[in-house]
Protein backbone atom coordinates (compact mmCIF):
# COMPACT_ATOMS: atom_id res chain seq x y z
CA LEU A 1 0.00 0.00 0.00
CA GLY A 2 3.00 2.33 -0.04
CA VAL A 3 2.94 3.04 3.69
CA ARG A 4 6.22 1.25 4.36
CA ALA A 5 7.74 1.33 0.85
CA GLN A 6 11.52 1.60 1.16
CA ARG A 7 12.99 1.40 -2.33
CA ALA A 8 12.62 4.12 -4.95
CA TRP A 9 11.76 3.16 -8.50
CA PRO A 10 14.63 3.32 -11.03
CA ARG A 11 14.81 6.34 -13.29
CA TRP A 12 14.22 4.32 -16.43
CA ALA A 13 10.88 3.08 -15.06
CA VAL A 14 9.78 6.62 -14.23
CA ALA A 15 10.87 7.83 -17.69
CA LEU A 16 9.03 4.95 -19.33
CA LEU A 17 5.82 5.83 -17.51
CA GLY A 18 6.17 9.48 -18.53
CA LEU A 19 6.73 8.48 -22.15
CA GLY A 20 3.67 6.24 -21.98
CA ALA A 21 1.59 9.15 -20.71
CA LEU A 22 2.67 11.23 -23.71
CA LEU A 23 1.63 8.44 -26.09
CA THR A 24 -1.82 8.13 -24.54
CA MET A 25 -4.83 10.27 -25.36
CA PRO A 26 -6.11 11.89 -22.15
CA PHE A 27 -9.12 10.15 -20.64
CA GLY A 28 -11.47 10.32 -17.67
CA SER A 29 -12.76 13.81 -18.46
CA ALA A 30 -13.02 16.28 -21.32
CA ASP A 31 -11.03 19.01 -19.56
CA HIS A 32 -8.10 18.79 -21.97
CA THR A 33 -10.30 20.00 -24.83
CA ASN A 34 -11.37 22.95 -22.67
CA TYR A 35 -7.75 23.89 -22.01
CA ALA A 36 -6.98 23.79 -25.74
CA ALA A 37 -10.02 25.96 -26.53
CA TYR A 38 -9.23 28.59 -23.89
CA GLY A 39 -5.66 28.85 -25.13
CA ARG A 40 -6.84 29.13 -28.72
CA ILE A 41 -9.30 31.91 -27.88
CA ALA A 42 -6.62 33.85 -25.98
CA LEU A 43 -4.12 33.34 -28.81
CA LEU A 44 -6.52 34.77 -31.40
CA GLY A 45 -7.29 37.84 -29.32
CA GLY A 46 -10.47 36.77 -27.54
CA ASP A 47 -11.26 36.63 -23.85
CA PRO A 48 -11.58 33.00 -22.68
CA TYR A 49 -13.26 34.24 -19.49
CA ILE A 50 -16.19 35.58 -21.52
CA GLU A 51 -16.26 33.65 -24.79
CA SER A 52 -17.83 30.19 -24.90
CA PRO A 53 -15.86 27.66 -26.97
CA VAL A 54 -18.82 26.54 -29.07
CA ALA A 55 -19.64 30.12 -30.14
CA TRP A 56 -16.09 31.20 -30.94
CA ALA A 57 -15.54 31.92 -34.64
CA GLY A 58 -19.10 30.91 -35.38
CA GLY A 59 -18.47 27.38 -34.15
CA THR A 60 -16.14 26.58 -37.06
CA ASP A 61 -12.75 26.90 -35.39
CA PRO A 62 -10.81 23.60 -35.68
CA VAL A 63 -9.76 23.69 -32.02
CA THR A 64 -12.61 25.26 -30.07
CA SER A 65 -15.25 23.26 -31.93
CA GLY A 66 -13.72 20.09 -30.46
CA VAL A 67 -14.81 20.89 -26.89
CA GLN A 68 -17.04 18.13 -25.59
CA PRO A 69 -20.22 18.25 -23.50
CA PRO A 70 -21.02 19.59 -20.98
CA TRP A 71 -18.40 22.34 -21.27
CA GLN A 72 -19.11 23.67 -24.76
CA GLU A 73 -20.78 26.82 -23.47
CA THR A 74 -18.59 27.31 -20.39
CA PRO A 75 -15.93 30.07 -20.30
CA SER A 76 -12.68 29.50 -18.41
CA ILE A 77 -12.62 29.15 -14.62
CA TYR A 78 -8.82 28.92 -14.43
CA GLY A 79 -6.25 31.47 -13.33
CA PRO A 80 -4.29 33.85 -15.59
CA LEU A 81 -1.11 31.74 -15.50
CA ALA A 82 -3.08 28.67 -16.58
CA THR A 83 -4.44 30.73 -19.47
CA LEU A 84 -0.91 31.79 -20.45
CA LEU A 85 0.23 28.17 -20.46
CA GLN A 86 -2.82 27.18 -22.48
CA LEU A 87 -2.05 30.00 -24.90
CA GLY A 88 1.49 28.68 -25.28
CA ALA A 89 0.21 25.18 -26.03
CA ALA A 90 -2.20 26.63 -28.60
CA TRP A 91 0.61 28.63 -30.23
CA VAL A 92 2.83 25.57 -30.57
CA GLY A 93 0.01 23.20 -31.53
CA GLY A 94 -1.49 25.43 -34.20
CA ASP A 95 -4.79 24.51 -35.86
CA ASN A 96 -4.67 20.84 -34.85
CA LEU A 97 -6.59 20.03 -31.66
CA ARG A 98 -4.61 16.85 -31.00
CA GLN A 99 -1.31 18.72 -31.32
CA VAL A 100 -2.46 21.42 -28.90
CA VAL A 101 -3.55 18.77 -26.41
CA TRP A 102 -0.25 16.90 -26.80
CA VAL A 103 1.78 20.04 -26.05
CA TRP A 104 -0.38 20.49 -22.96
CA GLN A 105 0.33 16.88 -21.98
CA VAL A 106 4.07 17.60 -22.17
CA LEU A 107 3.59 20.45 -19.67
CA VAL A 108 1.56 18.21 -17.34
CA VAL A 109 4.07 15.35 -17.42
CA ALA A 110 6.92 17.84 -16.81
CA ALA A 111 5.05 19.21 -13.78
CA TRP A 112 4.45 15.67 -12.46
CA LEU A 113 8.16 14.82 -12.77
CA MET A 114 9.19 18.16 -11.27
CA THR A 115 6.95 17.45 -8.28
CA ARG A 116 8.73 14.12 -7.77
CA TRP A 117 12.09 15.92 -7.83
CA LEU A 118 10.86 18.49 -5.30
CA LEU A 119 9.34 15.84 -3.02
CA ARG A 120 12.65 13.99 -2.87
CA ARG A 121 14.13 17.17 -1.40
CA LEU A 122 11.19 17.82 0.87
CA PHE A 123 11.25 14.24 2.23
CA PRO A 124 14.86 12.99 1.84
CA ASP A 125 14.18 9.84 3.89
CA ALA A 126 11.01 8.82 2.05
CA HIS A 127 12.04 8.21 -1.57
CA GLY A 128 10.34 4.82 -1.63
CA ARG A 129 7.06 6.20 -0.30
CA ILE A 130 7.25 9.12 -2.74
CA ASP A 131 7.32 6.74 -5.68
CA ALA A 132 4.65 4.50 -4.16
CA LEU A 133 2.20 7.32 -3.37
CA TRP A 134 3.05 9.85 -6.09
CA THR A 135 5.16 8.66 -9.00
CA MET A 136 3.80 5.15 -9.53
CA ASN A 137 0.46 5.48 -7.77
CA PRO A 138 -2.12 4.26 -10.33
CA ILE A 139 -4.86 6.30 -8.66
CA LEU A 140 -2.91 9.55 -8.95
CA VAL A 141 -1.36 8.86 -12.34
CA GLY A 142 -4.58 7.48 -13.81
CA THR A 143 -6.80 10.36 -12.75
CA ALA A 144 -4.44 13.35 -12.87
CA VAL A 145 -1.50 12.73 -15.21
CA LEU A 146 -3.28 10.59 -17.80
CA GLY A 147 -6.21 12.98 -17.51
CA ALA A 148 -3.82 15.91 -18.29
CA HIS A 149 -5.35 18.08 -15.58
CA VAL A 150 -4.22 21.61 -14.80
CA ASP A 151 -4.16 20.73 -11.07
CA THR A 152 -0.87 18.87 -11.65
CA MET A 153 0.82 22.16 -12.52
CA ALA A 154 -0.65 23.92 -9.51
CA THR A 155 0.60 21.10 -7.28
CA ALA A 156 4.16 21.48 -8.57
CA PHE A 157 4.14 25.16 -7.60
CA MET A 158 2.61 24.45 -4.17
CA VAL A 159 5.23 21.82 -3.35
CA ALA A 160 7.99 24.18 -4.55
CA ALA A 161 6.64 26.86 -2.21
CA LEU A 162 6.70 24.45 0.73
CA VAL A 163 10.32 23.56 -0.08
CA LEU A 164 11.34 27.24 -0.13
CA ALA A 165 9.32 27.99 3.02
CA ARG A 166 11.87 26.03 5.06
CA ARG A 167 14.66 28.45 4.18
CA ARG A 168 15.39 31.49 6.30
CA GLY A 169 16.07 34.98 5.06
CA THR A 170 14.24 37.81 3.33
CA ARG A 171 14.99 36.69 -0.22
CA TRP A 172 13.60 33.22 0.46
CA ALA A 173 10.41 34.64 1.95
CA LEU A 174 10.01 36.80 -1.15
CA ALA A 175 10.67 33.84 -3.46
CA THR A 176 8.19 31.71 -1.52
CA GLY A 177 5.51 34.36 -2.02
CA VAL A 178 6.26 34.46 -5.75
CA ILE A 179 5.84 30.70 -6.08
CA CYS A 180 2.65 30.73 -3.99
CA ALA A 181 1.20 33.33 -6.34
CA LEU A 182 2.13 31.24 -9.38
CA ALA A 183 0.22 28.33 -7.85
CA ALA A 184 -2.87 30.47 -7.17
CA MET A 185 -2.67 31.99 -10.65
CA VAL A 186 -2.97 28.49 -12.10
CA LYS A 187 -6.01 27.64 -9.97
CA VAL A 188 -7.41 29.81 -7.22
CA THR A 189 -7.78 26.97 -4.71
CA ALA A 190 -4.00 26.51 -4.81
CA GLY A 191 -3.82 29.68 -2.74
CA VAL A 192 -4.04 27.31 0.23
CA ALA A 193 -0.23 27.12 0.07
CA LEU A 194 0.10 30.83 0.86
CA LEU A 195 -2.37 30.53 3.74
CA ALA A 196 -0.69 27.44 5.17
CA ILE A 197 2.80 28.93 5.02
CA ALA A 198 1.78 32.25 6.59
CA LEU A 199 -0.15 30.60 9.42
CA GLY A 200 2.55 27.97 9.85
CA TRP A 201 5.26 30.59 10.31
CA LEU A 202 3.13 32.40 12.88
CA LEU A 203 2.46 29.17 14.80
CA GLU A 204 6.14 28.18 14.77
CA ALA A 205 7.17 31.62 16.01
CA HIS A 206 4.58 31.46 18.79
CA ARG A 207 5.74 28.03 19.95
CA ALA A 208 9.39 29.12 19.84
CA GLY A 209 8.71 32.36 21.68
CA SER A 210 10.11 34.50 18.84
CA ARG A 211 9.48 38.22 18.57
CA PRO A 212 6.13 38.93 16.85
CA ARG A 213 7.60 41.79 14.85
CA SER A 214 10.16 39.60 13.09
CA VAL A 215 7.70 36.92 12.02
CA LEU A 216 5.13 39.51 10.93
CA ALA A 217 7.81 41.12 8.77
CA ARG A 218 8.54 37.73 7.22
CA VAL A 219 4.86 37.16 6.49
CA GLY A 220 4.65 40.66 5.02
CA ILE A 221 7.51 39.89 2.65
CA LEU A 222 5.76 36.63 1.71
CA VAL A 223 2.60 38.54 0.79
CA LEU A 224 4.63 41.17 -1.08
CA GLY A 225 6.24 38.46 -3.20
CA ALA A 226 2.81 37.07 -4.00
CA LEU A 227 1.48 40.48 -5.01
CA LEU A 228 4.46 41.15 -7.29
CA VAL A 229 3.32 38.23 -9.43
CA ALA A 230 -0.44 38.15 -8.91
CA LEU A 231 -1.16 41.79 -9.73
CA PRO A 232 0.50 41.88 -13.20
CA LEU A 233 -1.09 38.57 -14.17
CA GLN A 234 -4.47 39.75 -12.95
CA LEU A 235 -4.14 43.01 -14.91
CA TRP A 236 -3.28 41.03 -18.02
CA ALA A 237 -6.27 38.72 -17.59
CA GLY A 238 -8.72 41.55 -16.92
CA GLY A 239 -11.64 41.97 -14.59
CA SER A 240 -13.60 39.06 -16.01
CA ALA A 241 -11.01 36.48 -14.97
CA TYR A 242 -13.12 35.03 -12.19
CA ALA A 243 -16.61 35.71 -13.53
CA GLN A 244 -17.29 32.08 -14.42
CA LEU A 245 -15.76 30.92 -11.14
CA GLY A 246 -18.33 32.98 -9.29
CA ARG A 247 -21.13 31.42 -11.31
CA SER A 248 -19.96 27.85 -10.76
CA ARG A 249 -19.03 28.05 -7.08
CA ARG A 250 -22.43 26.78 -5.91
CA SER A 251 -22.17 23.45 -7.71
CA ILE A 252 -22.62 20.29 -5.62
CA SER A 253 -21.12 17.12 -7.08
CA LEU A 254 -22.71 13.69 -6.74
CA ALA A 255 -19.74 12.13 -4.95
CA THR A 256 -20.05 14.20 -1.77
CA PRO A 257 -22.21 13.74 1.33
CA TRP A 258 -23.51 17.25 0.70
CA ARG A 259 -25.33 16.10 -2.42
CA GLN A 260 -27.39 13.76 -0.29
CA VAL A 261 -28.10 16.56 2.19
CA TYR A 262 -29.08 18.87 -0.66
CA GLU A 263 -31.45 16.32 -2.22
CA TRP A 264 -32.92 14.86 0.98
CA PHE A 265 -33.78 18.13 2.70
CA GLY A 266 -34.21 20.44 -0.30
CA GLY A 267 -37.53 21.88 -1.35
CA HIS A 268 -38.34 23.46 2.01
CA LEU A 269 -36.45 26.65 1.13
CA PRO A 270 -35.71 28.54 -2.11
CA ASP A 271 -32.91 26.78 -3.99
CA ALA A 272 -30.44 29.66 -3.71
CA THR A 273 -31.03 29.93 0.03
CA TRP A 274 -30.69 26.20 0.54
CA ARG A 275 -27.46 26.04 -1.48
CA SER A 276 -26.03 28.89 0.59
CA LEU A 277 -26.88 27.01 3.77
CA VAL A 278 -25.30 23.81 2.49
CA PHE A 279 -22.13 25.68 1.56
CA ALA A 280 -21.99 27.31 4.99
CA LEU A 281 -22.28 23.89 6.63
CA ALA A 282 -19.61 22.52 4.31
CA ALA A 283 -17.24 25.39 5.13
CA ALA A 284 -17.68 24.81 8.87
CA THR A 285 -17.10 21.08 8.35
CA CYS A 286 -13.91 21.73 6.39
CA LEU A 287 -12.56 23.90 9.20
CA LEU A 288 -13.37 21.21 11.74
CA LEU A 289 -11.75 18.48 9.64
CA ALA A 290 -8.65 20.63 9.15
CA ALA A 291 -8.42 21.14 12.92
CA LEU A 292 -8.70 17.38 13.46
CA GLY A 293 -5.97 16.72 10.89
CA TRP A 294 -3.72 19.26 12.59
CA ARG A 295 -4.39 17.63 15.97
CA VAL A 296 -3.47 14.20 14.63
CA LEU A 297 -0.30 15.21 12.79
CA ARG A 298 1.25 18.17 14.61
CA ASP A 299 3.06 16.05 17.21
CA ARG A 300 3.53 12.96 15.03
CA VAL A 301 5.71 14.71 12.43
CA PRO A 302 7.21 17.78 14.14
CA ASP A 303 10.27 17.71 11.89
CA LEU A 304 8.17 18.53 8.82
CA GLY A 305 7.18 21.96 10.10
CA ALA A 306 3.86 23.66 10.68
CA PRO A 307 3.40 25.01 7.10
CA LEU A 308 3.53 21.53 5.59
CA VAL A 309 1.25 19.96 8.21
CA LEU A 310 -1.23 22.81 7.78
CA ALA A 311 -1.13 22.49 3.98
CA LEU A 312 -1.89 18.78 4.23
CA SER A 313 -4.61 19.24 6.85
CA LEU A 314 -6.34 22.00 4.90
CA SER A 315 -6.08 20.16 1.58
CA MET A 316 -7.37 16.90 3.01
CA ALA A 317 -10.27 18.69 4.71
CA TYR A 318 -11.22 20.44 1.48
CA ALA A 319 -10.97 17.22 -0.55
CA VAL A 320 -13.44 15.33 1.65
CA GLY A 321 -15.49 18.23 3.03
CA ALA A 322 -16.17 20.54 0.10
CA PRO A 323 -19.46 20.36 -1.81
CA TYR A 324 -17.71 19.88 -5.17
CA VAL A 325 -14.89 17.34 -5.46
CA LEU A 326 -13.22 15.39 -8.23
CA PRO A 327 -10.40 12.82 -7.94
CA TRP A 328 -7.78 15.08 -9.52
CA TYR A 329 -8.39 17.71 -6.84
CA ASP A 330 -6.52 15.52 -4.31
CA GLN A 331 -3.03 15.98 -5.74
CA LEU A 332 -1.47 18.02 -2.94
CA VAL A 333 -2.68 15.41 -0.45
CA TRP A 334 -1.06 12.61 -2.48
CA ALA A 335 2.12 14.67 -2.77
CA LEU A 336 2.45 15.28 0.98
CA LEU A 337 1.30 11.87 2.23
CA PRO A 338 4.78 10.29 1.85
CA GLY A 339 6.03 12.53 4.65
CA VAL A 340 3.32 11.45 7.08
CA ALA A 341 2.60 7.91 5.83
CA LEU A 342 3.84 6.32 9.05
CA ALA A 343 2.01 8.76 11.31
CA ALA A 344 -0.94 7.38 13.26
CA GLY A 345 0.18 3.86 12.44
CA GLY A 346 -0.41 4.42 8.73
CA LEU A 347 -4.19 4.35 9.24
CA LEU A 348 -4.75 7.77 7.71
CA THR A 349 -2.81 6.83 4.58
CA ARG A 350 -4.65 3.54 4.17
CA VAL A 351 -8.04 5.21 4.56
CA TRP A 352 -7.04 7.80 1.98
CA LEU A 353 -6.01 5.05 -0.45
CA VAL A 354 -9.42 3.42 -0.11
CA ARG A 355 -11.20 6.72 -0.59
CA GLY A 356 -9.00 7.60 -3.60
CA LEU A 357 -9.70 4.28 -5.29
CA ILE A 358 -13.45 4.66 -4.84
CA LEU A 359 -13.43 8.22 -6.15
CA ALA A 360 -11.41 7.12 -9.19
CA LEU A 361 -13.92 4.37 -9.91
CA ALA A 362 -16.68 6.95 -9.62
CA TYR A 363 -15.18 9.28 -12.23
CA VAL A 364 -12.86 7.24 -14.49
CA PRO A 365 -14.41 6.31 -16.87
CA GLY A 366 -15.82 9.64 -16.23
CA ARG A 367 -18.51 11.77 -17.75
CA VAL A 368 -21.37 9.32 -18.37
CA VAL A 369 -21.21 10.39 -22.03
CA GLY A 370 -21.33 7.66 -24.62
CA LEU A 371 -21.07 4.85 -22.07
CA THR A 372 -22.98 1.59 -22.26
CA PRO A 373 -25.92 1.36 -19.85
CA GLY A 374 -24.07 -1.16 -17.67
CA VAL A 375 -20.93 0.94 -17.33
CA GLU A 376 -23.00 4.07 -16.75
CA SER A 377 -24.97 2.38 -13.97
CA LEU A 378 -21.81 1.09 -12.29
CA THR A 379 -20.15 4.50 -12.51
CA LEU A 380 -23.17 6.26 -11.05
CA LEU A 381 -23.38 3.65 -8.29
CA PHE A 382 -19.86 4.53 -7.16
CA ARG A 383 -20.50 8.24 -7.69
CA ARG A 384 -23.84 8.56 -5.94
CA GLU A 385 -23.77 5.85 -3.29
CA ILE A 386 -20.26 4.68 -2.45
CA ALA A 387 -18.07 7.79 -2.84
CA PRO A 388 -20.03 9.82 -0.22
CA ILE A 389 -19.59 6.93 2.23
CA ALA A 390 -15.85 6.92 1.48
CA ALA A 391 -15.69 10.61 2.41
CA LEU A 392 -17.48 9.86 5.66
CA LEU A 393 -14.91 7.12 6.28
CA VAL A 394 -12.15 9.74 6.22
CA TRP A 395 -14.22 11.97 8.54
CA GLY A 396 -14.56 9.10 10.99
CA ALA A 397 -10.87 8.23 10.79
CA LEU A 398 -9.89 11.84 11.59
CA VAL A 399 -12.25 11.92 14.58
CA LEU A 400 -10.95 8.59 15.88
CA LEU A 401 -7.29 9.50 15.43
CA ALA A 402 -7.73 12.93 16.99
CA ARG A 403 -9.35 11.35 20.02
CA ARG A 404 -6.52 8.83 20.32
CA ALA A 405 -3.98 11.64 19.96
CA THR A 406 -5.70 13.58 22.76
CA ASN A 407 -5.54 10.49 24.98
CA GLY A 408 -1.87 9.90 24.13
CA ASP A 409 -2.59 6.54 22.49
CA LEU A 410 -0.92 7.22 19.12
CA PRO A 411 2.70 6.13 18.59
CA SER A 412 5.20 8.75 17.46
CA HIS A 413 6.60 8.87 13.95
CA ASP A 414 10.03 7.72 15.19
CA GLN A 415 8.56 4.70 16.99
CA LEU A 416 7.08 3.46 13.72
CA ARG A 417 10.24 3.76 11.65
């Protein structure tokens, strides 16, 4: 299961898997056609945050016309840096949709390999677990890398920020802020790295009894570095960059417990009011789950530092507590699990593996478009019935482990080595 994996995979095996990914058409979702269309629209002078792919150029463009349902009328929800990368893929790929997608796949595979390189520096004693849970993990590779998802690029930037966050000095704080902004400019939810690092530094300073002024200055430099990158990119993208994100933020996916809550108790209030209430409950639940994750891990892996533990706790809480989740949203959790795989007796990692497998079965094969009735029924069974239970399994594991940690019943990380 990768919890106690000791040996790293040889480089030739990793290279072979990367080459295989580049020879495989993306599957599991239609997102790669969206990315190509948004880049094409930006390249030709349009605004991908306003224009719908199906309407661009009268629906005759050789790239944008290839967008598949249900995203044909959906403008971009991604950050300005993601749009720039998509534009670059469109420029290199030209008028051929497959070529544009393939260039995008090269960027995704490069980000996946870069994350492995960064993780080996973040966790120098866990190379075997890194390859088991990140590099050669069929759940992660099958849903994220072979799906060519933009989240892989955001994850590379987030992990890079966590690596830099361990270094002291003004220039490193500034560089960390720059990298955090690059992550958030790929996808807004990747801004969790900036939040985790800032709060982590404050918590570490408090526990060490450091002067508040010095740590606040460090956090200020971190934010300054982020603004130096975010503001120019935001100005380039324009004021409509997050218009579609605002419209889609109230979606509730089938694979979450919140879908059941929404359907079971809906109808008693106006839909907009009920959705707002569900999202408020989900936000409170995410905060509680993050607090439980912090309680479980903070004393089990003290050598990893508060920013990393906070990043993992927040990301895990969002992945199982948010109203809208997909299997490729879990990438930062998969990336950071090698560092805490032995914590809590490995139970948290094993539960996450079970949940990840179920979520992958729920969405890959993915969109219930063109599937046989049998495959569609099986996919919807996992999506509607089993995946929400898997999320509740993680909730229960966090509650149990936090209680055991409070009672002093959990072994330390060193005792499990």
